[in-house]
Amino acid sequence: MRKKFKTFRWISSTYYAEGLPYSLVQQVSVQFFTYAGASLQVIGLLSFLGLPWNLKLFWSPLIDLFADKKRWLVVMEIVLGGVAALLIWPAQHLNLDLAAKIFMLMAFLSATHDMSVDGYYIQTLSPSDQAAFSGLRVAAYRIAMLVGNGVLVIIAGWISWIACFLTAAAMIWGLAAFHQRALPPSPPSTSHKGQHWHAVREAFTTYLQQPGILWALAFILLFRAGDAMMAAMVTPFLSHLGYGLVARGILTGTVGTVTTIGGALLGGIIISRWGLRHALLPLTLIQSLAIPAYAWLAWVTPSVWWVGVTVAFEQAAAGLGTAVLMVFLMQRCQGAYQATHFAIGSALMSVAATVVGGFSGFLAAQVGFVEFFLLAFAAALPSLWLALRMPAVLFTDRQESLPGSDLLEGKGE
C-alpha cells in the first residue's frame, strides 16, 4: 500500500509538472498578449508556439543518449522555473517582443520535459501499471491546465502579472525539489542512436502502409480545423465582449477545463458502448455545432450567463471530439510501434491545428467575429463529410491505453 501511494504521488506530481508549462505557453501567453492589447493577428500567431510539441520526435534521441530520465526531468524543471521567472521583465512594461521570445524558449524546454516525464513513466512502470494509472495522468495534467488558465490568470487580474509568473516559477521549482528527493532512480536506458532512428523510420513506413491510410490522414488533418480556428480567437473575443482577466480565468480556465474533462469522459463512455464507427459522425457533428454558438454570441452580445453556458457547451463538445480523435488515432497503431504510431498521428493532428490557429487572427481582423466564427464552422464541414464516408476498414474493436500519448493530455487542441 505504501509503495502504491508513493507511485500515485509521483505520477500526479510529474504530470502536473508537465501540464503547467504547457498551459503557460499555450493559454496564459494568449491571456497576457490580449491584456497587453496585441492585435488579433499577433494573438493568432501565438499558435505557432505549439510547434516544439509537434516536432519533438526529431530530438527525442537526446533524452535516451545523454543522462537518465530522472535527471532530465529535474534539470528541465529547474530551468523552466527560471524561464517562468524571466517573464517578470516583459510583464513590467508589457514588452511583447521579449515575452514572445521567452515563451518560445519555454515551449522548447517544456516539450523536452514532456519526453523526459513520459520516458520516465514508461521505464519505471510495467505495461499493466502504465494502463492502470493513465486516468491519473490525465487528471493531474488537466488540473495543471486549470491552475494555469484559471488560478494564475485570476492572480494576474487580482494582483499583477508579476505575481502570476513568480507564482508559476515557485510552483515549478517546488516540483523540481520534490522530484529530486521523492522520485525513484530511473532504470538505465538501453537505447542507441542508430537503433532509435531505424525504429523511427520503420514506424513511419509501417504507419503509411496501413489500409485506408489516405482517408485516415485526411481525417486526422481536418478533424480539428474548425475547432482550432475558433479556439485561437476565443480569448480576444471574450476581451472584445468586455470580460477582463478574472472573468476570463473563470470562464475559460475553471468552467472550460471542468466541462472539457466531462465531455472527454462522456465521449469515452459513448464510444465504448456504441463503438467508434457508430459514434464517429454524431460526436463529430456535436463538436462542429459548438462553433456557430460563438457566432451567435458575437451577433447578439448576451448576458454573462449565456456566455458561460456557451463556453461550457463548446468545451464539453471539444472534450467529446478529443475522445473521438484519441480512439481513432489509437486504432491506427499497429504491431511493435504502437507508441510511435500514436506520436506520428497526434503530431500530424497538432501541426494542422497549429497552422490553422496561427493564421486565424488575420482572418478575424479582416471579416469580424460573426463572420469569422461562421467561417470556422465551414472549416469543420470537411471532417463531417469524412466521418460520414469513412471506409469500414479503418475501424477495429481495439481501444488500448497507450503510454506517453500527447492527446490524452489535450495537446494540440
Protein backbone atom coordinates (compact mmCIF):
# COMPACT_ATOMS: atom_id res chain seq x y z
CA MET A 1 0.00 0.00 0.00
CA ARG A 2 2.84 2.41 0.90
CA LYS A 3 4.58 1.72 -2.41
CA LYS A 4 1.34 2.27 -4.32
CA PHE A 5 0.79 5.60 -2.57
CA LYS A 6 4.31 6.73 -3.49
CA THR A 7 3.69 5.75 -7.11
CA PHE A 8 0.36 7.62 -7.07
CA ARG A 9 2.15 10.66 -5.64
CA TRP A 10 4.98 10.88 -8.18
CA ILE A 11 2.70 10.23 -11.17
CA SER A 12 0.39 13.01 -10.01
CA SER A 13 3.23 15.47 -9.46
CA THR A 14 5.15 14.72 -12.67
CA TYR A 15 2.11 15.07 -14.92
CA TYR A 16 1.04 18.20 -13.08
CA ALA A 17 4.57 19.46 -13.77
CA GLU A 18 4.13 18.52 -17.43
CA GLY A 19 0.82 20.34 -17.78
CA LEU A 20 1.71 23.62 -16.06
CA PRO A 21 4.39 24.87 -18.51
CA TYR A 22 2.19 23.78 -21.42
CA SER A 23 -0.64 25.90 -20.02
CA LEU A 24 1.72 28.86 -19.57
CA VAL A 25 2.85 28.66 -23.19
CA GLN A 26 -0.42 27.81 -24.90
CA GLN A 27 -3.03 29.51 -22.70
CA VAL A 28 -1.52 32.08 -20.33
CA SER A 29 0.51 33.64 -23.16
CA VAL A 30 -2.73 34.36 -25.05
CA GLN A 31 -4.24 35.95 -21.94
CA PHE A 32 -1.11 38.08 -21.46
CA PHE A 33 -0.98 39.27 -25.05
CA THR A 34 -4.72 40.00 -25.03
CA TYR A 35 -4.35 42.02 -21.82
CA ALA A 36 -1.44 43.97 -23.40
CA GLY A 37 -3.63 44.95 -26.36
CA ALA A 38 -1.95 42.85 -29.03
CA SER A 39 -3.65 42.69 -32.41
CA LEU A 40 -5.73 39.70 -33.45
CA GLN A 41 -3.04 38.83 -35.99
CA VAL A 42 -0.34 38.63 -33.30
CA ILE A 43 -2.56 36.64 -30.94
CA GLY A 44 -3.31 34.15 -33.70
CA LEU A 45 0.41 33.73 -34.41
CA LEU A 46 0.89 32.55 -30.82
CA SER A 47 -0.50 29.21 -32.01
CA PHE A 48 2.92 28.60 -33.56
CA LEU A 49 4.31 28.31 -30.03
CA GLY A 50 2.94 24.76 -30.28
CA LEU A 51 5.48 23.74 -32.92
CA PRO A 52 8.04 22.32 -30.44
CA TRP A 53 5.45 19.77 -29.28
CA ASN A 54 4.63 18.98 -32.91
CA LEU A 55 8.29 18.36 -33.78
CA LYS A 56 9.74 16.94 -30.56
CA LEU A 57 10.02 13.48 -32.09
CA PHE A 58 13.08 14.69 -34.00
CA TRP A 59 15.22 15.46 -30.94
CA SER A 60 13.82 12.72 -28.73
CA PRO A 61 17.01 10.55 -29.14
CA LEU A 62 18.87 13.07 -26.96
CA ILE A 63 16.75 12.02 -23.98
CA ASP A 64 17.86 8.41 -24.41
CA LEU A 65 21.50 9.10 -25.21
CA PHE A 66 22.51 11.57 -22.51
CA ALA A 67 21.89 11.08 -18.77
CA ASP A 68 18.84 9.32 -17.31
CA LYS A 69 15.19 10.32 -17.42
CA LYS A 70 15.01 11.47 -13.80
CA ARG A 71 17.97 13.82 -14.26
CA TRP A 72 16.48 15.24 -17.48
CA LEU A 73 13.16 15.70 -15.71
CA VAL A 74 14.59 17.55 -12.70
CA VAL A 75 17.02 19.71 -14.69
CA MET A 76 14.28 20.74 -17.13
CA GLU A 77 12.04 21.75 -14.22
CA ILE A 78 14.79 23.87 -12.65
CA VAL A 79 15.40 25.64 -15.95
CA LEU A 80 11.65 26.00 -16.69
CA GLY A 81 11.17 27.66 -13.30
CA GLY A 82 13.93 30.12 -14.19
CA VAL A 83 12.36 30.86 -17.57
CA ALA A 84 8.97 31.44 -15.93
CA ALA A 85 10.65 33.91 -13.57
CA LEU A 86 12.21 35.69 -16.56
CA LEU A 87 8.69 36.64 -17.67
CA ILE A 88 8.53 39.25 -14.90
CA TRP A 89 10.71 41.52 -17.10
CA PRO A 90 8.34 41.78 -20.07
CA ALA A 91 5.43 41.82 -17.59
CA GLN A 92 6.66 45.09 -16.05
CA HIS A 93 6.37 47.08 -19.28
CA LEU A 94 4.20 44.72 -21.39
CA ASN A 95 7.15 44.09 -23.72
CA LEU A 96 5.51 41.63 -26.13
CA ASP A 97 8.59 41.05 -28.28
CA LEU A 98 10.65 39.88 -25.30
CA ALA A 99 7.69 37.91 -23.93
CA ALA A 100 7.30 36.03 -27.23
CA LYS A 101 10.98 35.02 -27.19
CA ILE A 102 10.75 33.78 -23.60
CA PHE A 103 7.55 31.84 -24.29
CA MET A 104 9.19 30.19 -27.33
CA LEU A 105 12.18 29.16 -25.19
CA MET A 106 9.75 27.78 -22.61
CA ALA A 107 7.96 25.83 -25.35
CA PHE A 108 11.14 24.00 -26.43
CA LEU A 109 12.12 23.27 -22.83
CA SER A 110 8.60 22.14 -21.95
CA ALA A 111 8.40 19.77 -24.93
CA THR A 112 11.75 18.27 -23.87
CA HIS A 113 10.48 17.96 -20.30
CA ASP A 114 7.38 16.15 -21.61
CA MET A 115 9.57 13.50 -23.24
CA SER A 116 11.52 13.09 -20.01
CA VAL A 117 8.35 12.59 -17.96
CA ASP A 118 6.78 10.19 -20.46
CA GLY A 119 10.05 8.26 -20.81
CA TYR A 120 10.42 8.00 -17.03
CA TYR A 121 6.81 6.80 -16.74
CA ILE A 122 7.34 4.11 -19.38
CA GLN A 123 10.69 2.93 -18.00
CA THR A 124 9.64 2.85 -14.35
CA LEU A 125 6.21 1.17 -14.60
CA SER A 126 5.16 -2.18 -16.00
CA PRO A 127 2.78 -2.14 -19.01
CA SER A 128 -0.17 -3.09 -16.79
CA ASP A 129 0.60 -0.25 -14.37
CA GLN A 130 1.03 2.18 -17.26
CA ALA A 131 -2.53 1.45 -18.33
CA ALA A 132 -3.89 1.42 -14.78
CA PHE A 133 -2.53 4.89 -13.98
CA SER A 134 -3.41 6.50 -17.33
CA GLY A 135 -6.50 8.15 -15.85
CA LEU A 136 -4.43 9.66 -13.03
CA ARG A 137 -2.03 11.14 -15.58
CA VAL A 138 -4.88 12.80 -17.43
CA ALA A 139 -6.44 14.17 -14.24
CA ALA A 140 -3.15 15.63 -12.97
CA TYR A 141 -2.42 17.21 -16.34
CA ARG A 142 -5.88 18.74 -16.60
CA ILE A 143 -5.66 20.13 -13.06
CA ALA A 144 -2.41 21.85 -14.08
CA MET A 145 -4.19 23.42 -17.05
CA LEU A 146 -7.00 24.56 -14.75
CA VAL A 147 -4.40 26.15 -12.45
CA GLY A 148 -2.63 27.79 -15.40
CA ASN A 149 -5.54 29.23 -17.35
CA GLY A 150 -7.69 29.63 -14.26
CA VAL A 151 -5.84 30.33 -11.00
CA LEU A 152 -2.76 32.03 -12.48
CA VAL A 153 -4.83 34.23 -14.78
CA ILE A 154 -7.07 35.21 -11.86
CA ILE A 155 -3.92 36.09 -9.84
CA ALA A 156 -2.81 38.29 -12.74
CA GLY A 157 -6.17 40.04 -12.69
CA TRP A 158 -6.41 40.45 -8.92
CA ILE A 159 -2.75 41.27 -8.20
CA SER A 160 -0.41 41.57 -11.21
CA TRP A 161 1.27 39.63 -13.97
CA ILE A 162 4.50 39.70 -11.98
CA ALA A 163 2.75 37.84 -9.16
CA CYS A 164 1.32 35.40 -11.71
CA PHE A 165 4.70 34.49 -13.22
CA LEU A 166 6.52 34.37 -9.87
CA THR A 167 3.83 32.01 -8.55
CA ALA A 168 4.31 29.78 -11.61
CA ALA A 169 8.10 29.78 -11.15
CA ALA A 170 7.76 28.90 -7.45
CA MET A 171 5.43 26.01 -8.30
CA ILE A 172 7.83 24.57 -10.88
CA TRP A 173 10.88 24.95 -8.63
CA GLY A 174 8.97 23.31 -5.79
CA LEU A 175 8.14 20.38 -8.04
CA ALA A 176 11.80 20.06 -9.07
CA ALA A 177 12.89 19.90 -5.43
CA PHE A 178 10.21 17.33 -4.63
CA HIS A 179 11.09 15.17 -7.64
CA GLN A 180 14.80 15.20 -6.86
CA ARG A 181 14.00 13.83 -3.41
CA ALA A 182 10.97 11.61 -3.99
CA LEU A 183 11.33 10.02 -7.44
CA PRO A 184 12.83 6.53 -7.56
CA PRO A 185 16.01 6.30 -9.66
CA SER A 186 15.19 5.75 -13.33
CA PRO A 187 16.27 2.41 -14.84
CA PRO A 188 19.29 2.60 -17.17
CA SER A 189 18.47 3.16 -20.84
CA THR A 190 19.48 0.53 -23.38
CA SER A 191 18.75 2.71 -26.42
CA HIS A 192 21.38 3.55 -29.02
CA LYS A 193 21.18 6.31 -31.60
CA GLY A 194 21.28 4.03 -34.62
CA GLN A 195 18.65 1.72 -33.20
CA HIS A 196 16.39 4.65 -32.36
CA TRP A 197 16.45 6.21 -35.82
CA HIS A 198 15.98 2.84 -37.50
CA ALA A 199 12.91 2.32 -35.32
CA VAL A 200 11.57 5.78 -36.24
CA ARG A 201 11.99 5.09 -39.97
CA GLU A 202 10.39 1.67 -39.63
CA ALA A 203 7.49 3.14 -37.64
CA PHE A 204 6.78 5.76 -40.33
CA THR A 205 6.90 3.11 -43.07
CA THR A 206 4.51 0.73 -41.34
CA TYR A 207 2.17 3.59 -40.43
CA LEU A 208 1.85 4.74 -44.05
CA GLN A 209 1.31 1.18 -45.34
CA GLN A 210 -1.92 0.62 -43.42
CA PRO A 211 -5.16 0.04 -45.39
CA GLY A 212 -7.21 3.19 -45.92
CA ILE A 213 -4.37 5.41 -44.70
CA LEU A 214 -5.22 8.28 -47.09
CA TRP A 215 -8.73 8.52 -45.60
CA ALA A 216 -7.24 8.37 -42.12
CA LEU A 217 -4.65 11.07 -42.83
CA ALA A 218 -7.28 13.38 -44.30
CA PHE A 219 -9.49 12.92 -41.23
CA ILE A 220 -6.61 13.47 -38.79
CA LEU A 221 -5.51 16.65 -40.56
CA LEU A 222 -9.01 18.13 -40.93
CA PHE A 223 -10.78 16.96 -37.78
CA ARG A 224 -9.67 19.89 -35.62
CA ALA A 225 -9.52 22.53 -38.38
CA GLY A 226 -12.67 24.43 -37.45
CA ASP A 227 -12.25 23.91 -33.72
CA ALA A 228 -8.61 25.09 -33.74
CA MET A 229 -9.51 28.10 -35.86
CA MET A 230 -12.22 29.10 -33.39
CA ALA A 231 -10.22 28.32 -30.23
CA ALA A 232 -7.36 30.64 -31.21
CA MET A 233 -9.73 33.63 -31.07
CA VAL A 234 -11.87 32.81 -28.01
CA THR A 235 -9.76 34.81 -25.55
CA PRO A 236 -9.56 38.02 -27.63
CA PHE A 237 -13.27 37.61 -28.45
CA LEU A 238 -14.18 37.47 -24.75
CA SER A 239 -11.99 40.52 -24.21
CA HIS A 240 -13.87 42.22 -27.05
CA LEU A 241 -17.12 41.48 -25.18
CA GLY A 242 -15.70 43.30 -22.15
CA TYR A 243 -14.58 40.39 -19.94
CA GLY A 244 -11.35 41.01 -18.02
CA LEU A 245 -8.68 38.65 -16.74
CA VAL A 246 -10.59 37.38 -13.70
CA ALA A 247 -13.77 36.70 -15.68
CA ARG A 248 -11.82 35.00 -18.48
CA GLY A 249 -9.91 32.92 -15.95
CA ILE A 250 -13.19 31.69 -14.52
CA LEU A 251 -14.90 31.15 -17.89
CA THR A 252 -12.18 29.52 -19.98
CA GLY A 253 -9.95 28.28 -17.17
CA THR A 254 -12.21 26.87 -14.48
CA VAL A 255 -15.53 26.28 -16.27
CA GLY A 256 -13.87 25.35 -19.58
CA THR A 257 -11.43 22.83 -18.11
CA VAL A 258 -14.05 21.08 -15.98
CA THR A 259 -16.52 20.74 -18.87
CA THR A 260 -13.76 19.55 -21.22
CA ILE A 261 -12.92 16.75 -18.79
CA GLY A 262 -16.59 15.87 -18.50
CA GLY A 263 -17.00 15.83 -22.27
CA ALA A 264 -13.95 13.61 -22.74
CA LEU A 265 -15.19 11.14 -20.12
CA LEU A 266 -18.68 11.08 -21.64
CA GLY A 267 -17.23 10.61 -25.12
CA GLY A 268 -15.20 7.65 -23.89
CA ILE A 269 -18.32 6.04 -22.41
CA ILE A 270 -20.31 6.57 -25.62
CA ILE A 271 -17.55 5.13 -27.81
CA SER A 272 -17.09 2.12 -25.52
CA ARG A 273 -20.81 1.33 -25.80
CA TRP A 274 -21.54 2.22 -29.43
CA GLY A 275 -18.14 1.55 -30.97
CA LEU A 276 -16.16 4.20 -32.83
CA ARG A 277 -17.80 3.50 -36.19
CA HIS A 278 -21.28 4.39 -34.90
CA ALA A 279 -20.16 7.21 -32.57
CA LEU A 280 -17.91 8.96 -35.09
CA LEU A 281 -20.49 11.00 -37.01
CA PRO A 282 -22.75 12.16 -34.12
CA LEU A 283 -19.83 13.19 -31.89
CA THR A 284 -18.07 14.95 -34.76
CA LEU A 285 -21.32 16.75 -35.51
CA ILE A 286 -21.69 17.95 -31.90
CA GLN A 287 -18.11 19.25 -31.91
CA SER A 288 -18.81 21.16 -35.13
CA LEU A 289 -22.16 22.61 -33.99
CA ALA A 290 -20.50 24.20 -30.97
CA ILE A 291 -18.58 26.57 -33.25
CA PRO A 292 -21.51 28.67 -34.58
CA ALA A 293 -22.59 29.18 -30.96
CA TYR A 294 -19.79 31.73 -30.77
CA ALA A 295 -21.12 33.41 -33.91
CA TRP A 296 -24.42 33.76 -32.05
CA LEU A 297 -22.61 35.32 -29.08
CA ALA A 298 -20.86 37.80 -31.38
CA TRP A 299 -24.17 38.69 -33.02
CA VAL A 300 -26.44 39.21 -30.00
CA THR A 301 -23.89 40.03 -27.21
CA PRO A 302 -25.93 38.31 -24.46
CA SER A 303 -25.54 38.31 -20.67
CA VAL A 304 -22.63 36.65 -18.88
CA TRP A 305 -24.89 33.69 -18.02
CA TRP A 306 -25.35 32.86 -21.70
CA VAL A 307 -21.64 33.39 -22.35
CA GLY A 308 -20.87 30.88 -19.59
CA VAL A 309 -23.35 28.36 -20.99
CA THR A 310 -21.87 28.73 -24.48
CA VAL A 311 -18.29 28.32 -23.26
CA ALA A 312 -19.28 25.26 -21.21
CA PHE A 313 -21.12 23.70 -24.16
CA GLU A 314 -18.27 24.35 -26.59
CA GLN A 315 -15.64 22.96 -24.20
CA ALA A 316 -17.74 19.87 -23.47
CA ALA A 317 -18.15 19.35 -27.22
CA ALA A 318 -14.38 19.71 -27.63
CA GLY A 319 -13.98 17.01 -24.98
CA LEU A 320 -16.26 14.71 -26.99
CA GLY A 321 -14.09 15.42 -30.03
CA THR A 322 -10.96 14.63 -28.04
CA ALA A 323 -12.36 11.20 -27.17
CA VAL A 324 -13.18 10.53 -30.84
CA LEU A 325 -9.77 11.51 -32.11
CA MET A 326 -7.94 9.69 -29.32
CA VAL A 327 -9.59 6.38 -30.14
CA PHE A 328 -9.27 6.97 -33.91
CA LEU A 329 -5.52 7.57 -33.54
CA MET A 330 -5.13 4.57 -31.26
CA GLN A 331 -6.76 2.35 -33.87
CA ARG A 332 -4.07 3.45 -36.33
CA CYS A 333 -1.40 1.98 -34.00
CA GLN A 334 -0.20 -1.41 -35.19
CA GLY A 335 2.41 -4.02 -34.35
CA ALA A 336 5.58 -3.24 -32.42
CA TYR A 337 5.44 0.54 -32.97
CA GLN A 338 2.18 1.44 -31.30
CA ALA A 339 3.51 4.31 -29.16
CA THR A 340 5.43 5.82 -32.10
CA HIS A 341 2.41 5.40 -34.41
CA PHE A 342 0.35 7.34 -31.89
CA ALA A 343 3.01 10.06 -31.72
CA ILE A 344 3.00 10.32 -35.53
CA GLY A 345 -0.78 10.64 -35.69
CA SER A 346 -1.04 13.17 -32.87
CA ALA A 347 1.81 15.22 -34.37
CA LEU A 348 0.01 15.37 -37.73
CA MET A 349 -3.18 16.48 -36.00
CA SER A 350 -1.48 19.11 -33.86
CA VAL A 351 0.64 20.52 -36.70
CA ALA A 352 -2.53 21.13 -38.71
CA ALA A 353 -4.21 22.76 -35.70
CA THR A 354 -1.14 24.94 -35.09
CA VAL A 355 -1.08 26.21 -38.67
CA VAL A 356 -4.83 26.88 -38.81
CA GLY A 357 -4.76 28.67 -35.46
CA GLY A 358 -1.69 30.66 -36.47
CA PHE A 359 -3.45 32.39 -39.34
CA SER A 360 -6.87 32.74 -37.71
CA GLY A 361 -6.13 36.23 -36.36
CA PHE A 362 -5.58 37.65 -39.84
CA LEU A 363 -8.97 36.35 -40.95
CA ALA A 364 -10.80 37.54 -37.81
CA ALA A 365 -9.32 41.03 -38.18
CA GLN A 366 -10.42 41.12 -41.81
CA VAL A 367 -14.04 39.96 -41.54
CA GLY A 368 -15.14 40.48 -37.92
CA PHE A 369 -16.08 37.93 -35.25
CA VAL A 370 -19.54 36.92 -36.51
CA GLU A 371 -18.31 36.04 -39.98
CA PHE A 372 -15.10 34.55 -38.60
CA PHE A 373 -16.89 32.00 -36.42
CA LEU A 374 -19.19 31.09 -39.31
CA LEU A 375 -16.11 30.50 -41.48
CA ALA A 376 -14.64 28.36 -38.71
CA PHE A 377 -17.81 26.26 -38.83
CA ALA A 378 -17.38 25.97 -42.62
CA ALA A 379 -13.82 24.74 -41.99
CA ALA A 380 -15.30 21.94 -39.86
CA LEU A 381 -17.61 20.66 -42.60
CA PRO A 382 -14.99 18.53 -44.45
CA SER A 383 -14.44 16.48 -41.27
CA LEU A 384 -18.18 15.82 -41.13
CA TRP A 385 -18.15 14.58 -44.71
CA LEU A 386 -15.17 12.34 -43.97
CA ALA A 387 -16.88 10.97 -40.84
CA LEU A 388 -19.93 10.12 -42.96
CA ARG A 389 -17.92 8.41 -45.72
CA MET A 390 -15.18 6.71 -43.68
CA PRO A 391 -14.48 3.18 -45.02
CA ALA A 392 -15.13 0.25 -42.69
CA VAL A 393 -11.53 -0.98 -43.00
CA LEU A 394 -10.45 1.86 -40.69
CA PHE A 395 -12.43 0.64 -37.68
CA THR A 396 -11.37 -2.04 -35.22
CA ASP A 397 -12.55 -3.13 -31.80
CA ARG A 398 -9.21 -2.35 -30.12
CA GLN A 399 -9.18 0.51 -27.60
CA GLU A 400 -5.84 0.27 -25.84
CA SER A 401 -4.40 2.82 -23.44
CA LEU A 402 -1.10 3.96 -24.85
CA PRO A 403 1.61 5.40 -22.62
CA GLY A 404 3.06 8.77 -23.48
CA SER A 405 0.12 9.90 -25.59
CA ASP A 406 0.00 13.63 -26.09
CA LEU A 407 -3.67 13.67 -26.94
CA LEU A 408 -4.70 12.29 -23.58
CA GLU A 409 -3.28 15.43 -22.02
CA GLY A 410 -5.03 17.64 -24.57
CA LYS A 411 -2.06 18.93 -26.52
CA GLY A 412 -2.84 20.42 -29.84
CA GLU A 413 -6.45 21.15 -29.05
